[in-house]
């Protein structure tokens, strides 16, 4: 109980502080937002949502913050869908698409946010693509491909220097998109490339499982094989990075 109270106090304290100037928006909000995305912790997610509001109050053109809001609206949309709330789904789904579109448009004014917006947008569709109503799933996975392909191209010159998590999630997302879009041969090719590029990682383990048992592909995933460990924010605050 004491540990829980201490953690709750620390979370509330951090969320009440303005984002440090040298900290990326994603570093500041990711752990809170993904608590809702991956663990259904809506209390923690609300902390991240408040941080985004504060960021946008100070800078209404913070495209990366707007993209994170788009992901949050997708979360609310799939929760409404799961509850059978058609109107709620439609409302939040429309807001998600509007925020993603606005973030992409703002990147033209603030190109430095471009890669973040591509990663956040593509990643949000990856997380929720399979949970959408069937009529929306093809478009969702096409958007994964569109955003991740653009991100992969933008990172081409230093791709090999990126952490395994970044390369793994992007390539896994592209392979999974191909599979969900019915492109069996391309999915197998991208999965084999994923395993070869990142041996001795969880990505290689899951990729090999896909290749050995292709019948499991449609109801399993490659993404989030090393996802979003807790404590990154605190580490960043401690080191000033």
C-alpha atoms as a PDB file:
ATOM      1  CA  UNK A   1       0.000   0.000   0.000  1.00  0.00           C
ATOM      2  CA  UNK A   2       2.814   2.420   0.870  1.00  0.00           C
ATOM      3  CA  UNK A   3       4.494   1.692  -2.468  1.00  0.00           C
ATOM      4  CA  UNK A   4       1.211   2.295  -4.295  1.00  0.00           C
ATOM      5  CA  UNK A   5       0.663   5.591  -2.493  1.00  0.00           C
ATOM      6  CA  UNK A   6       4.234   6.654  -3.185  1.00  0.00           C
ATOM      7  CA  UNK A   7       3.849   5.822  -6.873  1.00  0.00           C
ATOM      8  CA  UNK A   8       0.530   7.674  -7.058  1.00  0.00           C
ATOM      9  CA  UNK A   9       2.040  10.740  -5.397  1.00  0.00           C
ATOM     10  CA  UNK A  10       5.037  10.666  -7.736  1.00  0.00           C
ATOM     11  CA  UNK A  11       2.767  10.358 -10.788  1.00  0.00           C
ATOM     12  CA  UNK A  12       0.612  13.285  -9.690  1.00  0.00           C
ATOM     13  CA  UNK A  13       3.680  15.360  -8.857  1.00  0.00           C
ATOM     14  CA  UNK A  14       5.289  14.746 -12.235  1.00  0.00           C
ATOM     15  CA  UNK A  15       2.052  15.427 -14.111  1.00  0.00           C
ATOM     16  CA  UNK A  16       1.658  18.748 -12.300  1.00  0.00           C
ATOM     17  CA  UNK A  17       5.046  19.966 -13.510  1.00  0.00           C
ATOM     18  CA  UNK A  18       5.546  21.679 -16.864  1.00  0.00           C
ATOM     19  CA  UNK A  19       7.420  19.632 -19.422  1.00  0.00           C
ATOM     20  CA  UNK A  20      11.173  20.234 -19.100  1.00  0.00           C
ATOM     21  CA  UNK A  21      12.368  22.248 -22.080  1.00  0.00           C
ATOM     22  CA  UNK A  22      14.971  19.676 -23.109  1.00  0.00           C
ATOM     23  CA  UNK A  23      12.549  16.725 -22.998  1.00  0.00           C
ATOM     24  CA  UNK A  24      10.705  15.440 -26.039  1.00  0.00           C
ATOM     25  CA  UNK A  25       6.925  15.448 -25.892  1.00  0.00           C
ATOM     26  CA  UNK A  26       6.828  11.683 -26.446  1.00  0.00           C
ATOM     27  CA  UNK A  27       9.203  11.018 -23.560  1.00  0.00           C
ATOM     28  CA  UNK A  28       7.073  13.213 -21.295  1.00  0.00           C
ATOM     29  CA  UNK A  29       3.726  11.550 -22.069  1.00  0.00           C
ATOM     30  CA  UNK A  30       4.407   8.083 -23.517  1.00  0.00           C
ATOM     31  CA  UNK A  31       4.369   6.010 -20.322  1.00  0.00           C
ATOM     32  CA  UNK A  32       1.092   7.563 -19.194  1.00  0.00           C
ATOM     33  CA  UNK A  33      -0.607   7.321 -22.582  1.00  0.00           C
ATOM     34  CA  UNK A  34       0.534   3.737 -23.137  1.00  0.00           C
ATOM     35  CA  UNK A  35      -0.788   2.739 -19.735  1.00  0.00           C
ATOM     36  CA  UNK A  36      -4.195   3.267 -21.309  1.00  0.00           C
ATOM     37  CA  UNK A  37      -3.243   1.824 -24.695  1.00  0.00           C
ATOM     38  CA  UNK A  38      -1.726  -1.425 -23.435  1.00  0.00           C
ATOM     39  CA  UNK A  39      -2.892  -1.922 -19.843  1.00  0.00           C
ATOM     40  CA  UNK A  40      -6.331  -0.280 -19.844  1.00  0.00           C
ATOM     41  CA  UNK A  41      -5.180   1.980 -16.994  1.00  0.00           C
ATOM     42  CA  UNK A  42      -7.386   4.970 -17.703  1.00  0.00           C
ATOM     43  CA  UNK A  43      -6.390   6.804 -14.519  1.00  0.00           C
ATOM     44  CA  UNK A  44      -2.755   6.830 -15.603  1.00  0.00           C
ATOM     45  CA  UNK A  45      -3.809   7.635 -19.162  1.00  0.00           C
ATOM     46  CA  UNK A  46      -5.666  10.720 -17.894  1.00  0.00           C
ATOM     47  CA  UNK A  47      -2.379  12.001 -16.467  1.00  0.00           C
ATOM     48  CA  UNK A  48      -0.884  11.877 -19.948  1.00  0.00           C
ATOM     49  CA  UNK A  49      -3.935  13.578 -21.419  1.00  0.00           C
ATOM     50  CA  UNK A  50      -3.520  16.457 -18.968  1.00  0.00           C
ATOM     51  CA  UNK A  51       0.120  16.781 -19.930  1.00  0.00           C
ATOM     52  CA  UNK A  52      -0.894  17.037 -23.589  1.00  0.00           C
ATOM     53  CA  UNK A  53      -3.414  19.756 -22.769  1.00  0.00           C
ATOM     54  CA  UNK A  54      -0.727  21.740 -20.967  1.00  0.00           C
ATOM     55  CA  UNK A  55       1.695  21.359 -23.874  1.00  0.00           C
ATOM     56  CA  UNK A  56      -0.910  22.539 -26.374  1.00  0.00           C
ATOM     57  CA  UNK A  57      -1.959  25.460 -24.168  1.00  0.00           C
ATOM     58  CA  UNK A  58       1.636  26.674 -24.395  1.00  0.00           C
ATOM     59  CA  UNK A  59       2.090  25.740 -28.058  1.00  0.00           C
ATOM     60  CA  UNK A  60      -1.109  25.064 -30.043  1.00  0.00           C
ATOM     61  CA  UNK A  61       1.017  23.956 -33.018  1.00  0.00           C
ATOM     62  CA  UNK A  62       2.816  21.139 -31.196  1.00  0.00           C
ATOM     63  CA  UNK A  63       2.108  18.542 -33.884  1.00  0.00           C
ATOM     64  CA  UNK A  64       3.479  15.606 -31.885  1.00  0.00           C
ATOM     65  CA  UNK A  65       1.159  16.389 -28.965  1.00  0.00           C
ATOM     66  CA  UNK A  66      -1.816  16.570 -31.340  1.00  0.00           C
ATOM     67  CA  UNK A  67      -0.853  13.194 -32.822  1.00  0.00           C
ATOM     68  CA  UNK A  68      -0.821  11.698 -29.316  1.00  0.00           C
ATOM     69  CA  UNK A  69      -4.320  13.103 -28.827  1.00  0.00           C
ATOM     70  CA  UNK A  70      -5.302  11.285 -32.013  1.00  0.00           C
ATOM     71  CA  UNK A  71      -4.072   8.034 -30.519  1.00  0.00           C
ATOM     72  CA  UNK A  72      -6.035   8.713 -27.352  1.00  0.00           C
ATOM     73  CA  UNK A  73      -9.188   9.284 -29.377  1.00  0.00           C
ATOM     74  CA  UNK A  74      -8.613   5.905 -31.037  1.00  0.00           C
ATOM     75  CA  UNK A  75      -8.426   4.356 -27.570  1.00  0.00           C
ATOM     76  CA  UNK A  76     -11.745   5.954 -26.629  1.00  0.00           C
ATOM     77  CA  UNK A  77     -13.227   4.806 -29.957  1.00  0.00           C
ATOM     78  CA  UNK A  78     -12.328   1.136 -29.483  1.00  0.00           C
ATOM     79  CA  UNK A  79     -13.518   1.229 -25.883  1.00  0.00           C
ATOM     80  CA  UNK A  80     -16.854   2.562 -27.127  1.00  0.00           C
ATOM     81  CA  UNK A  81     -16.950  -0.131 -29.813  1.00  0.00           C
ATOM     82  CA  UNK A  82     -16.226  -2.830 -27.223  1.00  0.00           C
ATOM     83  CA  UNK A  83     -19.148  -1.483 -25.172  1.00  0.00           C
ATOM     84  CA  UNK A  84     -21.512  -1.498 -28.148  1.00  0.00           C
ATOM     85  CA  UNK A  85     -21.721   2.296 -28.202  1.00  0.00           C
ATOM     86  CA  UNK A  86     -21.936   3.030 -31.937  1.00  0.00           C
ATOM     87  CA  UNK A  87     -22.397   6.781 -31.533  1.00  0.00           C
ATOM     88  CA  UNK A  88     -19.493   7.000 -29.114  1.00  0.00           C
ATOM     89  CA  UNK A  89     -17.289   5.054 -31.503  1.00  0.00           C
ATOM     90  CA  UNK A  90     -18.180   7.287 -34.445  1.00  0.00           C
ATOM     91  CA  UNK A  91     -17.560  10.461 -32.437  1.00  0.00           C
ATOM     92  CA  UNK A  92     -14.136   9.444 -31.139  1.00  0.00           C
ATOM     93  CA  UNK A  93     -13.075   7.826 -34.408  1.00  0.00           C
ATOM     94  CA  UNK A  94     -13.826  11.046 -36.271  1.00  0.00           C
ATOM     95  CA  UNK A  95     -11.846  13.035 -33.698  1.00  0.00           C
ATOM     96  CA  UNK A  96      -8.904  10.654 -34.038  1.00  0.00           C
ATOM     97  CA  UNK A  97      -8.777  11.110 -37.795  1.00  0.00           C
ATOM     98  CA  UNK A  98      -9.141  14.882 -37.441  1.00  0.00           C
ATOM     99  CA  UNK A  99      -6.230  15.116 -35.008  1.00  0.00           C
ATOM    100  CA  UNK A 100      -3.972  12.896 -37.088  1.00  0.00           C
ATOM    101  CA  UNK A 101      -4.767  15.011 -40.152  1.00  0.00           C
ATOM    102  CA  UNK A 102      -4.126  18.238 -38.243  1.00  0.00           C
ATOM    103  CA  UNK A 103      -0.811  16.950 -36.910  1.00  0.00           C
ATOM    104  CA  UNK A 104       0.291  15.960 -40.410  1.00  0.00           C
ATOM    105  CA  UNK A 105      -0.686  19.383 -41.753  1.00  0.00           C
ATOM    106  CA  UNK A 106       1.213  21.194 -38.993  1.00  0.00           C
ATOM    107  CA  UNK A 107       4.381  19.273 -39.814  1.00  0.00           C
ATOM    108  CA  UNK A 108       4.642  21.440 -42.915  1.00  0.00           C
ATOM    109  CA  UNK A 109       5.183  24.394 -40.550  1.00  0.00           C
ATOM    110  CA  UNK A 110       7.307  22.488 -38.022  1.00  0.00           C
ATOM    111  CA  UNK A 111       9.236  19.813 -39.975  1.00  0.00           C
ATOM    112  CA  UNK A 112      11.213  18.859 -36.867  1.00  0.00           C
ATOM    113  CA  UNK A 113       8.070  17.107 -35.585  1.00  0.00           C
ATOM    114  CA  UNK A 114       7.695  15.050 -38.751  1.00  0.00           C
ATOM    115  CA  UNK A 115       9.214  11.773 -37.644  1.00  0.00           C
ATOM    116  CA  UNK A 116       7.456  11.893 -34.283  1.00  0.00           C
ATOM    117  CA  UNK A 117       4.088  12.399 -35.955  1.00  0.00           C
ATOM    118  CA  UNK A 118       4.710   9.495 -38.339  1.00  0.00           C
ATOM    119  CA  UNK A 119       5.758   7.215 -35.465  1.00  0.00           C
ATOM    120  CA  UNK A 120       2.868   8.182 -33.186  1.00  0.00           C
ATOM    121  CA  UNK A 121       0.264   7.975 -35.933  1.00  0.00           C
ATOM    122  CA  UNK A 122       1.517   4.679 -37.341  1.00  0.00           C
ATOM    123  CA  UNK A 123       1.966   3.216 -33.870  1.00  0.00           C
ATOM    124  CA  UNK A 124      -1.537   4.173 -32.796  1.00  0.00           C
ATOM    125  CA  UNK A 125      -3.071   2.399 -35.795  1.00  0.00           C
ATOM    126  CA  UNK A 126      -0.873  -0.645 -35.079  1.00  0.00           C
ATOM    127  CA  UNK A 127      -2.127  -0.879 -31.498  1.00  0.00           C
ATOM    128  CA  UNK A 128      -5.803  -0.476 -32.352  1.00  0.00           C
ATOM    129  CA  UNK A 129      -6.107  -1.734 -35.938  1.00  0.00           C
ATOM    130  CA  UNK A 130      -7.372  -5.184 -34.976  1.00  0.00           C
ATOM    131  CA  UNK A 131      -9.810  -3.783 -32.413  1.00  0.00           C
ATOM    132  CA  UNK A 132     -11.676  -1.554 -34.840  1.00  0.00           C
ATOM    133  CA  UNK A 133     -14.948  -2.597 -36.488  1.00  0.00           C
ATOM    134  CA  UNK A 134     -14.135  -4.781 -39.514  1.00  0.00           C
ATOM    135  CA  UNK A 135     -15.172  -2.060 -41.976  1.00  0.00           C
ATOM    136  CA  UNK A 136     -12.326   0.172 -40.756  1.00  0.00           C
ATOM    137  CA  UNK A 137      -9.500  -2.340 -40.426  1.00  0.00           C
ATOM    138  CA  UNK A 138      -8.186  -2.270 -43.990  1.00  0.00           C
ATOM    139  CA  UNK A 139      -7.847   1.507 -43.897  1.00  0.00           C
ATOM    140  CA  UNK A 140      -6.141   1.293 -40.509  1.00  0.00           C
ATOM    141  CA  UNK A 141      -3.475  -1.095 -41.763  1.00  0.00           C
ATOM    142  CA  UNK A 142      -2.990   0.939 -44.928  1.00  0.00           C
ATOM    143  CA  UNK A 143      -2.284   3.910 -42.679  1.00  0.00           C
ATOM    144  CA  UNK A 144       0.232   1.855 -40.713  1.00  0.00           C
ATOM    145  CA  UNK A 145       2.044   1.117 -43.959  1.00  0.00           C
ATOM    146  CA  UNK A 146       1.849   4.715 -45.164  1.00  0.00           C
ATOM    147  CA  UNK A 147       3.244   6.222 -41.975  1.00  0.00           C
ATOM    148  CA  UNK A 148       5.861   3.564 -41.271  1.00  0.00           C
ATOM    149  CA  UNK A 149       7.119   3.514 -44.868  1.00  0.00           C
ATOM    150  CA  UNK A 150       7.593   7.289 -44.733  1.00  0.00           C
ATOM    151  CA  UNK A 151       9.318   7.010 -41.356  1.00  0.00           C
ATOM    152  CA  UNK A 152      11.617   4.243 -42.600  1.00  0.00           C
ATOM    153  CA  UNK A 153      12.619   6.427 -45.561  1.00  0.00           C
ATOM    154  CA  UNK A 154      13.260   9.444 -43.311  1.00  0.00           C
ATOM    155  CA  UNK A 155      15.576   7.364 -41.101  1.00  0.00           C
ATOM    156  CA  UNK A 156      17.418   5.635 -43.944  1.00  0.00           C
ATOM    157  CA  UNK A 157      20.755   7.409 -43.502  1.00  0.00           C
ATOM    158  CA  UNK A 158      21.158   6.321 -39.863  1.00  0.00           C
ATOM    159  CA  UNK A 159      18.870   3.287 -39.683  1.00  0.00           C
ATOM    160  CA  UNK A 160      21.590   0.899 -38.495  1.00  0.00           C
ATOM    161  CA  UNK A 161      22.382   3.171 -35.545  1.00  0.00           C
ATOM    162  CA  UNK A 162      18.840   3.136 -34.165  1.00  0.00           C
ATOM    163  CA  UNK A 163      17.997   0.980 -31.115  1.00  0.00           C
ATOM    164  CA  UNK A 164      16.613  -2.499 -31.750  1.00  0.00           C
ATOM    165  CA  UNK A 165      13.250  -1.435 -30.332  1.00  0.00           C
ATOM    166  CA  UNK A 166      12.809   1.323 -32.918  1.00  0.00           C
ATOM    167  CA  UNK A 167      13.865  -0.830 -35.865  1.00  0.00           C
ATOM    168  CA  UNK A 168      11.938  -3.828 -34.589  1.00  0.00           C
ATOM    169  CA  UNK A 169       8.662  -2.034 -34.049  1.00  0.00           C
ATOM    170  CA  UNK A 170       8.783  -0.322 -37.424  1.00  0.00           C
ATOM    171  CA  UNK A 171       9.657  -3.445 -39.405  1.00  0.00           C
ATOM    172  CA  UNK A 172       7.259  -5.594 -37.395  1.00  0.00           C
ATOM    173  CA  UNK A 173       4.510  -3.073 -38.077  1.00  0.00           C
ATOM    174  CA  UNK A 174       5.172  -3.221 -41.818  1.00  0.00           C
ATOM    175  CA  UNK A 175       5.159  -7.021 -41.798  1.00  0.00           C
ATOM    176  CA  UNK A 176       1.974  -7.138 -39.756  1.00  0.00           C
ATOM    177  CA  UNK A 177       0.320  -4.583 -42.046  1.00  0.00           C
ATOM    178  CA  UNK A 178       1.126  -6.741 -45.073  1.00  0.00           C
ATOM    179  CA  UNK A 179      -0.371  -9.791 -43.377  1.00  0.00           C
ATOM    180  CA  UNK A 180      -3.531  -7.943 -42.336  1.00  0.00           C
ATOM    181  CA  UNK A 181      -3.914  -6.615 -45.880  1.00  0.00           C
ATOM    182  CA  UNK A 182      -3.811 -10.140 -47.286  1.00  0.00           C
ATOM    183  CA  UNK A 183      -0.369  -9.877 -48.889  1.00  0.00           C
ATOM    184  CA  UNK A 184       0.881 -13.277 -47.807  1.00  0.00           C
ATOM    185  CA  UNK A 185       4.163 -13.416 -49.727  1.00  0.00           C
ATOM    186  CA  UNK A 186       5.168  -9.879 -48.745  1.00  0.00           C
ATOM    187  CA  UNK A 187       4.312 -10.569 -45.112  1.00  0.00           C
ATOM    188  CA  UNK A 188       6.518 -13.677 -45.115  1.00  0.00           C
ATOM    189  CA  UNK A 189       9.381 -11.777 -46.781  1.00  0.00           C
ATOM    190  CA  UNK A 190       9.233  -8.879 -44.298  1.00  0.00           C
ATOM    191  CA  UNK A 191       8.961 -11.289 -41.367  1.00  0.00           C
ATOM    192  CA  UNK A 192      12.067 -13.175 -42.510  1.00  0.00           C
ATOM    193  CA  UNK A 193      13.937  -9.886 -42.889  1.00  0.00           C
ATOM    194  CA  UNK A 194      12.876  -8.872 -39.375  1.00  0.00           C
ATOM    195  CA  UNK A 195      14.250 -12.117 -37.931  1.00  0.00           C
ATOM    196  CA  UNK A 196      17.514 -11.748 -39.848  1.00  0.00           C
ATOM    197  CA  UNK A 197      18.072  -8.114 -38.890  1.00  0.00           C
ATOM    198  CA  UNK A 198      17.410  -8.540 -35.180  1.00  0.00           C
ATOM    199  CA  UNK A 199      18.639 -11.981 -34.083  1.00  0.00           C
ATOM    200  CA  UNK A 200      18.584 -12.809 -30.385  1.00  0.00           C
ATOM    201  CA  UNK A 201      15.725 -10.399 -29.737  1.00  0.00           C
ATOM    202  CA  UNK A 202      12.027 -10.946 -28.995  1.00  0.00           C
ATOM    203  CA  UNK A 203      11.313  -9.794 -32.559  1.00  0.00           C
ATOM    204  CA  UNK A 204      13.247 -12.752 -33.965  1.00  0.00           C
ATOM    205  CA  UNK A 205      11.406 -15.143 -31.642  1.00  0.00           C
ATOM    206  CA  UNK A 206       7.969 -13.937 -32.716  1.00  0.00           C
ATOM    207  CA  UNK A 207       9.004 -13.697 -36.367  1.00  0.00           C
ATOM    208  CA  UNK A 208      10.235 -17.308 -36.371  1.00  0.00           C
ATOM    209  CA  UNK A 209       6.943 -18.378 -34.805  1.00  0.00           C
ATOM    210  CA  UNK A 210       5.080 -16.657 -37.633  1.00  0.00           C
ATOM    211  CA  UNK A 211       7.280 -18.286 -40.262  1.00  0.00           C
ATOM    212  CA  UNK A 212       7.034 -21.756 -38.688  1.00  0.00           C
ATOM    213  CA  UNK A 213       3.267 -21.551 -38.113  1.00  0.00           C
ATOM    214  CA  UNK A 214       1.788 -19.194 -40.719  1.00  0.00           C
ATOM    215  CA  UNK A 215      -1.699 -20.304 -39.727  1.00  0.00           C
ATOM    216  CA  UNK A 216      -1.249 -18.314 -36.490  1.00  0.00           C
ATOM    217  CA  UNK A 217      -0.470 -15.026 -38.240  1.00  0.00           C
ATOM    218  CA  UNK A 218      -4.037 -13.778 -38.515  1.00  0.00           C
ATOM    219  CA  UNK A 219      -4.740 -13.979 -34.781  1.00  0.00           C
ATOM    220  CA  UNK A 220      -1.340 -13.009 -33.374  1.00  0.00           C
ATOM    221  CA  UNK A 221       1.020 -10.056 -33.683  1.00  0.00           C
ATOM    222  CA  UNK A 222       4.657  -9.158 -34.204  1.00  0.00           C
ATOM    223  CA  UNK A 223       4.523  -5.668 -32.742  1.00  0.00           C
ATOM    224  CA  UNK A 224       5.109  -4.611 -29.135  1.00  0.00           C
ATOM    225  CA  UNK A 225       7.644  -7.390 -28.654  1.00  0.00           C
ATOM    226  CA  UNK A 226       9.805  -5.144 -26.451  1.00  0.00           C
ATOM    227  CA  UNK A 227       7.361  -2.390 -25.716  1.00  0.00           C
ATOM    228  CA  UNK A 228       7.595   0.609 -23.502  1.00  0.00           C
ATOM    229  CA  UNK A 229       9.211  -0.475 -20.280  1.00  0.00           C
ATOM    230  CA  UNK A 230       8.288   1.601 -17.262  1.00  0.00           C
ATOM    231  CA  UNK A 231      10.831   4.007 -15.855  1.00  0.00           C
ATOM    232  CA  UNK A 232      12.053   5.643 -19.051  1.00  0.00           C
ATOM    233  CA  UNK A 233      10.636   8.999 -18.055  1.00  0.00           C
ATOM    234  CA  UNK A 234      12.212   8.904 -14.620  1.00  0.00           C
ATOM    235  CA  UNK A 235      15.541   7.925 -16.160  1.00  0.00           C
ATOM    236  CA  UNK A 236      15.296  10.826 -18.608  1.00  0.00           C
ATOM    237  CA  UNK A 237      14.470  13.265 -15.815  1.00  0.00           C
ATOM    238  CA  UNK A 238      17.388  11.988 -13.756  1.00  0.00           C
ATOM    239  CA  UNK A 239      19.905  12.352 -16.579  1.00  0.00           C
ATOM    240  CA  UNK A 240      18.449  15.530 -18.088  1.00  0.00           C
ATOM    241  CA  UNK A 241      17.922  13.845 -21.491  1.00  0.00           C
END
